[in-house]
N, C-alpha and C. Protein backbone atom coordinates (compact mmCIF):
# COMPACT_ATOMS: atom_id res chain seq x y z
N MET A 1 -3.54 -8.01 -32.47
CA MET A 1 -2.64 -8.58 -31.93
C MET A 1 -2.81 -8.63 -30.52
N PRO A 2 -2.70 -9.83 -29.81
CA PRO A 2 -3.06 -10.07 -28.29
C PRO A 2 -1.77 -9.42 -27.69
N TYR A 3 -2.08 -8.71 -26.53
CA TYR A 3 -0.92 -8.20 -25.73
C TYR A 3 -0.15 -9.38 -25.05
N ALA A 4 1.05 -9.14 -25.07
CA ALA A 4 2.05 -10.02 -24.50
C ALA A 4 2.92 -9.44 -23.42
N ALA A 5 2.82 -10.06 -22.38
CA ALA A 5 3.71 -9.57 -21.00
C ALA A 5 5.09 -9.52 -21.45
N PRO A 6 5.79 -8.33 -21.01
CA PRO A 6 7.09 -8.34 -21.32
C PRO A 6 8.00 -9.45 -20.65
N PRO A 7 8.96 -9.86 -21.31
CA PRO A 7 9.82 -10.97 -20.41
C PRO A 7 10.39 -10.47 -19.30
N ASP A 8 10.30 -11.20 -18.42
CA ASP A 8 10.88 -10.98 -16.95
C ASP A 8 10.51 -9.57 -16.47
N PRO A 9 9.28 -9.21 -16.44
CA PRO A 9 8.80 -8.09 -16.10
C PRO A 9 8.88 -7.80 -14.67
N ALA A 10 9.07 -6.44 -14.09
CA ALA A 10 9.12 -5.93 -12.71
C ALA A 10 7.80 -5.70 -12.19
N ARG A 11 7.11 -6.26 -11.17
CA ARG A 11 5.85 -5.92 -10.77
C ARG A 11 6.02 -4.98 -9.74
N LEU A 12 5.54 -3.71 -10.02
CA LEU A 12 5.89 -2.46 -9.14
C LEU A 12 4.57 -2.01 -8.59
N PHE A 13 4.93 -1.32 -7.36
CA PHE A 13 3.85 -0.34 -6.80
C PHE A 13 4.57 0.71 -5.96
N LEU A 14 3.93 1.57 -5.75
CA LEU A 14 4.21 3.00 -4.74
C LEU A 14 3.55 2.81 -3.70
N ALA A 15 4.08 2.98 -2.67
CA ALA A 15 3.49 2.62 -1.19
C ALA A 15 4.00 3.85 -0.17
N LEU A 16 3.26 3.80 0.90
CA LEU A 16 3.75 4.20 2.20
C LEU A 16 4.21 3.06 3.01
N TRP A 17 5.58 3.22 3.52
CA TRP A 17 6.18 1.99 4.37
C TRP A 17 6.18 2.32 5.65
N PRO A 18 5.73 1.45 6.64
CA PRO A 18 5.65 1.99 8.10
C PRO A 18 7.13 1.72 8.55
N SER A 19 7.46 2.63 9.56
CA SER A 19 8.68 2.56 10.36
C SER A 19 8.45 1.24 11.17
N PRO A 20 9.61 0.66 11.82
CA PRO A 20 9.42 -0.46 12.68
C PRO A 20 8.45 -0.20 13.83
N ALA A 21 8.53 0.95 14.40
CA ALA A 21 7.69 1.27 15.64
C ALA A 21 6.15 1.18 15.12
N THR A 22 5.93 1.95 13.98
CA THR A 22 4.59 1.88 13.49
C THR A 22 3.99 0.56 13.18
N ARG A 23 5.00 -0.19 12.39
CA ARG A 23 4.57 -1.72 12.02
C ARG A 23 4.16 -2.39 13.27
N ASP A 24 4.96 -2.31 14.53
CA ASP A 24 4.87 -2.96 15.52
C ASP A 24 3.51 -2.57 16.32
N GLY A 25 3.20 -1.22 15.98
CA GLY A 25 1.92 -0.82 16.71
C GLY A 25 0.69 -1.43 16.09
N VAL A 26 0.75 -1.54 14.76
CA VAL A 26 -0.38 -2.02 13.91
C VAL A 26 -0.42 -3.58 14.15
N ILE A 27 0.80 -4.37 14.26
CA ILE A 27 0.60 -5.76 14.73
C ILE A 27 0.09 -6.03 15.95
N ALA A 28 0.51 -5.32 16.89
CA ALA A 28 0.34 -5.55 18.21
C ALA A 28 -1.47 -5.31 18.40
N TRP A 29 -1.92 -4.17 17.78
CA TRP A 29 -3.40 -3.95 17.86
C TRP A 29 -4.10 -5.17 16.96
N ARG A 30 -3.56 -5.61 15.90
CA ARG A 30 -4.25 -6.63 15.04
C ARG A 30 -4.25 -8.03 16.00
N ASP A 31 -2.93 -8.28 16.44
CA ASP A 31 -2.97 -9.67 17.09
C ASP A 31 -3.71 -9.70 18.41
N ALA A 32 -4.15 -8.57 19.05
CA ALA A 32 -4.82 -8.49 20.29
C ALA A 32 -6.33 -8.91 19.94
N ARG A 33 -6.68 -9.07 18.79
CA ARG A 33 -8.19 -9.11 18.42
C ARG A 33 -8.40 -10.55 17.83
N PRO A 34 -9.40 -11.21 18.06
CA PRO A 34 -9.91 -12.40 17.37
C PRO A 34 -10.07 -12.43 15.95
N TRP A 35 -9.64 -13.41 15.21
CA TRP A 35 -9.86 -13.42 13.77
C TRP A 35 -10.32 -14.64 13.42
N PRO A 36 -11.39 -14.84 12.47
CA PRO A 36 -12.10 -16.07 12.17
C PRO A 36 -11.11 -17.23 11.82
N ALA A 37 -11.49 -18.32 12.01
CA ALA A 37 -10.76 -19.60 11.41
C ALA A 37 -10.64 -19.45 9.90
N GLY A 38 -9.48 -19.55 9.38
CA GLY A 38 -9.37 -19.34 7.90
C GLY A 38 -8.88 -18.10 7.45
N ALA A 39 -8.77 -16.92 8.32
CA ALA A 39 -8.42 -15.75 8.14
C ALA A 39 -6.80 -15.75 7.96
N ALA A 40 -6.23 -14.99 6.83
CA ALA A 40 -4.94 -15.13 6.41
C ALA A 40 -4.33 -13.68 6.84
N LEU A 41 -3.65 -13.77 7.95
CA LEU A 41 -2.96 -12.31 8.47
C LEU A 41 -1.84 -11.88 7.56
N VAL A 42 -1.78 -10.81 7.33
CA VAL A 42 -0.75 -10.20 6.47
C VAL A 42 0.54 -10.39 7.26
N ALA A 43 1.61 -10.86 6.66
CA ALA A 43 2.92 -10.91 7.22
C ALA A 43 3.32 -9.41 7.71
N PRO A 44 4.07 -9.34 8.81
CA PRO A 44 4.43 -7.97 9.28
C PRO A 44 5.22 -7.22 8.23
N GLU A 45 6.18 -8.07 7.69
CA GLU A 45 7.32 -7.32 6.80
C GLU A 45 6.57 -6.82 5.38
N LYS A 46 5.13 -7.27 5.29
CA LYS A 46 4.54 -6.96 4.08
C LYS A 46 3.37 -5.71 4.30
N LEU A 47 3.20 -5.42 5.53
CA LEU A 47 2.39 -4.26 5.89
C LEU A 47 2.62 -2.82 5.08
N HIS A 48 1.83 -2.40 4.41
CA HIS A 48 2.13 -1.00 3.81
C HIS A 48 0.74 -0.39 3.30
N MET A 49 0.98 0.78 2.95
CA MET A 49 -0.26 1.31 2.33
C MET A 49 -0.04 1.68 0.76
N THR A 50 -0.73 1.05 -0.06
CA THR A 50 -0.47 1.23 -1.61
C THR A 50 -1.09 2.63 -1.91
N LEU A 51 -0.22 3.24 -2.77
CA LEU A 51 -0.55 4.70 -3.23
C LEU A 51 -0.96 4.63 -4.78
N HIS A 52 -0.32 3.63 -5.58
CA HIS A 52 -0.63 3.36 -6.86
C HIS A 52 0.14 1.94 -7.08
N PHE A 53 -0.72 1.15 -8.00
CA PHE A 53 0.01 -0.08 -8.35
C PHE A 53 0.32 0.01 -9.84
N LEU A 54 1.55 -0.24 -10.27
CA LEU A 54 1.95 0.02 -11.47
C LEU A 54 1.78 -1.27 -12.42
N GLY A 55 1.90 -2.49 -11.79
CA GLY A 55 1.81 -3.72 -12.43
C GLY A 55 3.04 -4.23 -13.09
N ASP A 56 3.11 -4.91 -14.02
CA ASP A 56 4.23 -5.56 -14.83
C ASP A 56 4.77 -4.33 -15.72
N VAL A 57 6.12 -4.00 -15.49
CA VAL A 57 6.71 -3.06 -16.26
C VAL A 57 8.10 -3.65 -16.72
N PRO A 58 8.55 -3.37 -18.14
CA PRO A 58 9.80 -4.01 -18.39
C PRO A 58 10.95 -3.52 -17.50
N ARG A 59 11.83 -4.54 -17.06
CA ARG A 59 13.06 -4.08 -16.28
C ARG A 59 13.90 -2.97 -16.80
N THR A 60 13.70 -2.96 -18.35
CA THR A 60 14.62 -1.87 -18.77
C THR A 60 14.04 -0.40 -18.52
N ARG A 61 12.82 -0.29 -18.04
CA ARG A 61 12.16 0.94 -17.52
C ARG A 61 12.43 1.38 -15.96
N VAL A 62 12.92 0.50 -15.34
CA VAL A 62 12.94 0.75 -13.84
C VAL A 62 13.71 1.83 -13.45
N ALA A 63 14.89 2.30 -14.09
CA ALA A 63 15.72 3.37 -13.71
C ALA A 63 14.94 4.59 -14.09
N GLU A 64 14.25 4.60 -15.26
CA GLU A 64 13.53 5.71 -15.67
C GLU A 64 12.47 6.10 -14.69
N LEU A 65 11.73 5.05 -14.59
CA LEU A 65 10.52 5.09 -13.53
C LEU A 65 11.02 5.73 -12.27
N SER A 66 11.98 5.09 -11.80
CA SER A 66 12.54 5.49 -10.51
C SER A 66 12.91 6.89 -10.43
N ALA A 67 13.46 7.41 -11.49
CA ALA A 67 13.72 9.08 -11.46
C ALA A 67 12.51 9.69 -11.74
N GLY A 68 11.50 9.27 -12.70
CA GLY A 68 10.51 10.14 -13.07
C GLY A 68 9.19 10.02 -11.95
N LEU A 69 9.51 9.31 -10.92
CA LEU A 69 8.36 9.11 -9.78
C LEU A 69 8.56 9.90 -8.49
N ALA A 70 9.94 10.64 -8.76
CA ALA A 70 10.15 11.67 -7.58
C ALA A 70 9.39 12.84 -7.52
N VAL A 71 8.55 12.96 -6.44
CA VAL A 71 7.64 14.18 -6.31
C VAL A 71 7.81 14.75 -4.84
N ARG A 72 7.37 15.85 -4.68
CA ARG A 72 7.68 16.47 -3.35
C ARG A 72 6.59 15.73 -2.35
N VAL A 73 7.26 15.45 -1.12
CA VAL A 73 6.45 14.91 0.06
C VAL A 73 6.31 16.10 1.22
N GLU A 74 5.27 16.19 1.57
CA GLU A 74 5.08 17.19 2.60
C GLU A 74 4.80 16.12 3.80
N PRO A 75 5.32 16.20 4.91
CA PRO A 75 5.10 15.19 6.06
C PRO A 75 3.62 15.51 6.44
N PHE A 76 3.17 14.38 6.79
CA PHE A 76 1.76 14.40 7.49
C PHE A 76 1.55 13.12 8.29
N GLU A 77 0.49 13.14 8.98
CA GLU A 77 0.12 12.08 9.87
C GLU A 77 -1.14 11.30 9.35
N LEU A 78 -1.19 9.84 9.44
CA LEU A 78 -2.38 9.15 9.23
C LEU A 78 -2.84 8.75 10.48
N ALA A 79 -4.09 8.60 10.64
CA ALA A 79 -4.80 8.36 11.84
C ALA A 79 -5.63 7.24 11.63
N PHE A 80 -5.25 5.97 11.74
CA PHE A 80 -6.13 4.83 11.37
C PHE A 80 -7.28 4.72 12.62
N ASP A 81 -8.40 4.63 12.33
CA ASP A 81 -9.34 4.63 13.44
C ASP A 81 -10.37 3.62 13.24
N ARG A 82 -10.43 2.81 12.31
CA ARG A 82 -11.57 1.72 12.03
C ARG A 82 -10.80 0.58 11.40
N VAL A 83 -11.46 -0.47 11.34
CA VAL A 83 -11.41 -1.46 10.36
C VAL A 83 -12.61 -1.87 9.73
N GLU A 84 -12.47 -2.06 8.54
CA GLU A 84 -13.62 -2.39 7.62
C GLU A 84 -13.39 -3.93 7.04
N ILE A 85 -14.56 -4.36 6.88
CA ILE A 85 -14.40 -5.88 6.29
C ILE A 85 -15.06 -5.54 4.97
N TRP A 86 -14.29 -5.71 3.85
CA TRP A 86 -14.79 -5.58 2.59
C TRP A 86 -15.51 -6.87 2.01
N SER A 87 -16.43 -6.77 1.05
CA SER A 87 -16.98 -7.98 0.53
C SER A 87 -16.20 -8.97 -0.09
N ASN A 88 -14.82 -8.49 -0.36
CA ASN A 88 -13.92 -9.57 -0.95
C ASN A 88 -13.15 -10.33 0.24
N GLY A 89 -13.69 -10.20 1.53
CA GLY A 89 -12.95 -10.78 2.59
C GLY A 89 -11.60 -9.98 3.06
N ILE A 90 -11.35 -8.77 2.65
CA ILE A 90 -10.30 -7.95 3.01
C ILE A 90 -10.57 -7.18 4.27
N ALA A 91 -9.77 -7.36 5.31
CA ALA A 91 -9.80 -6.65 6.63
C ALA A 91 -9.00 -5.59 6.30
N ALA A 92 -9.52 -4.25 6.25
CA ALA A 92 -8.68 -2.93 5.94
C ALA A 92 -8.70 -1.82 7.07
N LEU A 93 -7.61 -1.66 7.68
CA LEU A 93 -7.35 -0.65 8.54
C LEU A 93 -7.27 0.78 7.75
N ARG A 94 -8.41 1.53 8.29
CA ARG A 94 -8.56 2.80 7.50
C ARG A 94 -8.67 4.04 8.36
N PRO A 95 -8.50 5.23 7.86
CA PRO A 95 -8.72 6.39 8.53
C PRO A 95 -9.94 6.93 8.14
N ILE A 96 -10.74 7.49 9.15
CA ILE A 96 -12.21 8.09 8.84
C ILE A 96 -12.07 9.07 7.86
N VAL A 97 -10.97 10.04 8.06
CA VAL A 97 -10.75 11.11 6.99
C VAL A 97 -9.15 10.96 6.58
N ALA A 98 -9.07 10.89 5.28
CA ALA A 98 -7.76 11.02 4.60
C ALA A 98 -7.00 12.23 4.59
N PRO A 99 -5.94 12.50 5.26
CA PRO A 99 -5.31 13.84 5.38
C PRO A 99 -5.06 14.40 3.94
N VAL A 100 -5.30 15.76 3.73
CA VAL A 100 -5.37 16.31 2.60
C VAL A 100 -3.83 15.95 1.80
N ARG A 101 -2.78 16.18 2.60
CA ARG A 101 -1.59 15.84 2.12
C ARG A 101 -1.32 14.32 1.59
N ALA A 102 -2.00 13.46 2.22
CA ALA A 102 -2.09 12.04 1.63
C ALA A 102 -2.70 12.11 0.30
N LEU A 103 -3.88 12.84 0.22
CA LEU A 103 -4.60 12.84 -1.17
C LEU A 103 -3.71 13.68 -2.13
N GLN A 104 -3.02 14.68 -1.70
CA GLN A 104 -2.03 15.33 -2.68
C GLN A 104 -0.97 14.66 -3.19
N LEU A 105 -0.40 13.65 -2.38
CA LEU A 105 0.73 12.90 -2.83
C LEU A 105 0.18 11.84 -3.71
N GLN A 106 -0.81 11.36 -3.42
CA GLN A 106 -1.40 10.17 -4.42
C GLN A 106 -1.75 11.01 -5.59
N SER A 107 -2.13 12.07 -5.73
CA SER A 107 -2.50 12.69 -6.80
C SER A 107 -1.44 13.24 -7.80
N ALA A 108 -0.22 13.76 -7.00
CA ALA A 108 1.00 13.98 -7.58
C ALA A 108 1.66 12.78 -8.29
N LEU A 109 1.51 11.74 -7.48
CA LEU A 109 2.16 10.53 -8.23
C LEU A 109 1.36 10.07 -9.39
N ARG A 110 0.07 10.20 -9.48
CA ARG A 110 -0.90 9.86 -10.53
C ARG A 110 -0.32 10.57 -11.68
N ASP A 111 -0.03 11.87 -11.59
CA ASP A 111 0.37 12.72 -12.61
C ASP A 111 1.56 12.33 -13.15
N ALA A 112 2.47 12.03 -12.22
CA ALA A 112 3.90 11.54 -12.63
C ALA A 112 3.70 10.17 -13.45
N LEU A 113 3.02 9.35 -13.10
CA LEU A 113 2.90 8.14 -13.76
C LEU A 113 2.25 8.50 -15.25
N GLN A 114 1.22 9.32 -15.27
CA GLN A 114 0.65 9.60 -16.43
C GLN A 114 1.71 10.40 -17.37
N ARG A 115 2.66 11.10 -16.91
CA ARG A 115 3.89 11.66 -17.52
C ARG A 115 4.72 10.57 -18.08
N LEU A 116 4.71 9.46 -17.49
CA LEU A 116 5.49 8.37 -17.96
C LEU A 116 4.88 7.28 -18.83
N ASP A 117 3.68 7.71 -19.30
CA ASP A 117 2.86 6.97 -19.97
C ASP A 117 2.52 5.68 -19.46
N LEU A 118 2.25 5.61 -18.08
CA LEU A 118 1.77 4.45 -17.35
C LEU A 118 0.33 4.62 -16.99
N ALA A 119 -0.59 3.41 -17.12
CA ALA A 119 -1.94 3.57 -16.65
C ALA A 119 -1.91 3.82 -15.07
N THR A 120 -3.12 4.44 -14.97
CA THR A 120 -3.34 4.77 -13.41
C THR A 120 -4.78 4.28 -13.23
N GLU A 121 -5.09 4.09 -11.88
CA GLU A 121 -6.14 3.47 -11.34
C GLU A 121 -7.30 4.57 -11.60
N THR A 122 -8.64 3.98 -11.85
CA THR A 122 -9.70 4.90 -12.34
C THR A 122 -10.74 4.93 -11.06
N ARG A 123 -10.55 4.01 -10.06
CA ARG A 123 -11.52 3.92 -9.05
C ARG A 123 -10.94 5.03 -7.93
N PRO A 124 -11.67 5.49 -7.13
CA PRO A 124 -11.36 6.53 -6.20
C PRO A 124 -10.25 5.86 -5.16
N PHE A 125 -9.39 6.74 -4.74
CA PHE A 125 -8.41 6.08 -3.80
C PHE A 125 -9.03 6.04 -2.41
N ARG A 126 -8.73 4.68 -1.96
CA ARG A 126 -9.38 4.26 -0.52
C ARG A 126 -8.09 4.07 0.38
N PRO A 127 -7.55 5.00 1.04
CA PRO A 127 -6.25 4.80 1.81
C PRO A 127 -6.55 3.68 2.94
N HIS A 128 -5.80 2.82 2.98
CA HIS A 128 -5.93 1.58 3.85
C HIS A 128 -4.75 0.70 3.90
N VAL A 129 -4.57 -0.01 5.04
CA VAL A 129 -3.59 -0.94 5.20
C VAL A 129 -4.36 -2.37 5.39
N THR A 130 -3.99 -3.27 4.55
CA THR A 130 -4.60 -4.59 4.45
C THR A 130 -3.98 -5.49 5.76
N LEU A 131 -4.99 -5.80 6.69
CA LEU A 131 -4.51 -6.45 7.73
C LEU A 131 -4.53 -7.98 7.63
N ALA A 132 -5.79 -8.61 7.03
CA ALA A 132 -6.07 -9.83 6.65
C ALA A 132 -6.71 -10.11 5.46
N ARG A 133 -6.65 -11.23 4.90
CA ARG A 133 -7.49 -11.77 3.62
C ARG A 133 -8.47 -12.77 4.17
N ARG A 134 -9.39 -13.20 3.47
CA ARG A 134 -10.37 -14.28 4.04
C ARG A 134 -10.84 -13.92 5.29
N ALA A 135 -11.31 -12.74 5.41
CA ALA A 135 -11.51 -12.38 6.81
C ALA A 135 -13.10 -12.02 6.77
N GLN A 136 -13.91 -12.49 5.85
CA GLN A 136 -15.25 -12.10 5.65
C GLN A 136 -16.14 -12.27 6.83
N ASP A 137 -15.83 -13.15 7.94
CA ASP A 137 -16.53 -13.31 9.04
C ASP A 137 -15.98 -12.53 10.21
N ALA A 138 -14.87 -11.60 10.05
CA ALA A 138 -14.68 -10.72 11.01
C ALA A 138 -15.53 -9.70 11.23
N MET A 139 -15.34 -8.85 12.23
CA MET A 139 -16.39 -7.77 12.58
C MET A 139 -15.58 -6.42 12.20
N SER A 140 -16.47 -5.56 11.49
CA SER A 140 -15.87 -4.13 11.39
C SER A 140 -16.01 -3.59 12.56
N MET A 141 -15.16 -2.44 13.03
CA MET A 141 -15.10 -1.83 14.17
C MET A 141 -14.55 -0.67 14.30
N ALA A 142 -14.74 0.38 15.13
CA ALA A 142 -13.94 1.32 15.29
C ALA A 142 -12.92 1.14 16.53
N LEU A 143 -11.77 1.76 16.31
CA LEU A 143 -10.80 1.50 17.37
C LEU A 143 -10.79 2.58 18.68
N ASP A 144 -10.57 2.03 19.72
CA ASP A 144 -10.72 3.01 20.87
C ASP A 144 -9.73 4.05 20.85
N ALA A 145 -8.57 3.83 20.25
CA ALA A 145 -7.64 4.84 20.09
C ALA A 145 -6.90 4.66 18.69
N PRO A 146 -6.88 5.70 17.98
CA PRO A 146 -6.39 5.60 16.55
C PRO A 146 -4.93 5.00 16.63
N VAL A 147 -4.59 4.38 15.70
CA VAL A 147 -3.07 3.84 15.38
C VAL A 147 -2.63 5.02 14.23
N ARG A 148 -1.55 5.76 14.93
CA ARG A 148 -0.87 6.79 14.18
C ARG A 148 0.34 6.55 13.39
N TRP A 149 0.48 6.95 12.28
CA TRP A 149 1.53 6.76 11.36
C TRP A 149 1.92 8.09 10.76
N ARG A 150 3.28 8.48 11.15
CA ARG A 150 3.80 9.71 10.80
C ARG A 150 4.59 9.39 9.32
N VAL A 151 4.09 10.01 8.37
CA VAL A 151 4.64 9.82 7.00
C VAL A 151 5.49 11.06 6.65
N ARG A 152 6.81 10.71 6.15
CA ARG A 152 7.78 11.42 5.68
C ARG A 152 8.27 10.99 4.33
N GLU A 153 8.05 10.06 3.92
CA GLU A 153 8.56 9.32 2.48
C GLU A 153 7.46 8.31 2.00
N TYR A 154 7.76 8.07 0.70
CA TYR A 154 7.07 6.88 0.01
C TYR A 154 8.13 6.17 -0.61
N VAL A 155 7.81 4.95 -1.16
CA VAL A 155 8.66 4.12 -1.68
C VAL A 155 8.13 3.40 -2.97
N LEU A 156 9.04 3.03 -3.83
CA LEU A 156 8.99 2.38 -4.95
C LEU A 156 9.25 0.85 -4.68
N VAL A 157 8.46 -0.08 -4.74
CA VAL A 157 8.48 -1.51 -4.29
C VAL A 157 8.31 -2.52 -5.46
N GLU A 158 9.21 -3.50 -5.45
CA GLU A 158 8.93 -4.68 -6.62
C GLU A 158 8.40 -5.72 -5.70
N SER A 159 7.25 -6.35 -6.09
CA SER A 159 6.71 -7.48 -5.67
C SER A 159 7.48 -8.71 -6.12
N GLN A 160 8.07 -9.60 -5.41
CA GLN A 160 8.76 -10.72 -5.79
C GLN A 160 7.74 -11.70 -6.29
N ARG A 161 8.33 -12.42 -7.18
CA ARG A 161 7.46 -13.61 -7.71
C ARG A 161 8.00 -14.96 -6.99
N GLY A 162 7.14 -16.08 -7.17
CA GLY A 162 7.61 -17.31 -6.86
C GLY A 162 7.32 -17.65 -5.35
N ALA A 163 7.67 -18.91 -4.99
CA ALA A 163 7.37 -19.29 -3.68
C ALA A 163 7.86 -18.44 -2.41
N GLY A 164 6.78 -17.95 -1.71
CA GLY A 164 7.22 -17.11 -0.65
C GLY A 164 6.97 -15.61 -0.91
N GLY A 165 7.21 -15.29 -2.17
CA GLY A 165 7.07 -13.85 -2.64
C GLY A 165 7.73 -13.13 -1.69
N GLY A 166 7.36 -11.74 -1.52
CA GLY A 166 7.89 -10.81 -0.55
C GLY A 166 7.99 -9.56 -1.36
N TYR A 167 8.47 -8.42 -0.82
CA TYR A 167 8.57 -7.24 -1.35
C TYR A 167 9.91 -6.87 -1.22
N ARG A 168 10.51 -5.95 -2.11
CA ARG A 168 11.77 -5.47 -2.17
C ARG A 168 11.64 -3.90 -2.51
N VAL A 169 12.06 -3.10 -1.46
CA VAL A 169 11.98 -1.68 -1.77
C VAL A 169 13.17 -1.39 -2.62
N LEU A 170 12.75 -0.72 -3.73
CA LEU A 170 13.74 -0.44 -4.69
C LEU A 170 14.45 1.15 -4.70
N ARG A 171 13.53 2.07 -4.10
CA ARG A 171 13.78 3.24 -3.73
C ARG A 171 12.85 4.02 -2.83
N SER A 172 13.49 4.76 -1.99
CA SER A 172 12.79 5.76 -1.01
C SER A 172 12.72 7.13 -1.52
N TYR A 173 11.63 7.80 -1.31
CA TYR A 173 11.53 9.19 -1.78
C TYR A 173 11.21 9.82 -0.48
N ALA A 174 12.11 10.87 0.07
CA ALA A 174 11.91 11.66 1.26
C ALA A 174 11.48 12.88 0.90
């Protein structure tokens, strides 16, 4: 029997969400750089770092998932110091070295997802913030000074469907 998507599913992901000051710093750095014609810059309110993509889940499970995804967060700092242009045209702001606590958080959340019988990503975790799409003609570069992001929490987010889309933070975990 073929898989049928649940009716009116919630499209969810877990992410690090920047403070307004951090978001402003990323946007200021990004907007001071030239981008090739046709590059689609990510809207400021959509900037985040995905920890896990959950995909479409039945809305009836959202409360259960929200409770089951609570894990301990040890504060840490991300220092984004380079931009990579990936083969699919994504311009990604990346740290040269991912902090151990970021990797521990991502791993703890993977374990929580598995306890909730949700599929997890099999590819290695590549911490990044997407700056632009369709940017294949942009240049990879090292930053003169890193963009710093102090992390104290993560969030459960719903990706809104339809025209304009957008993201809605369902729960913050500090």
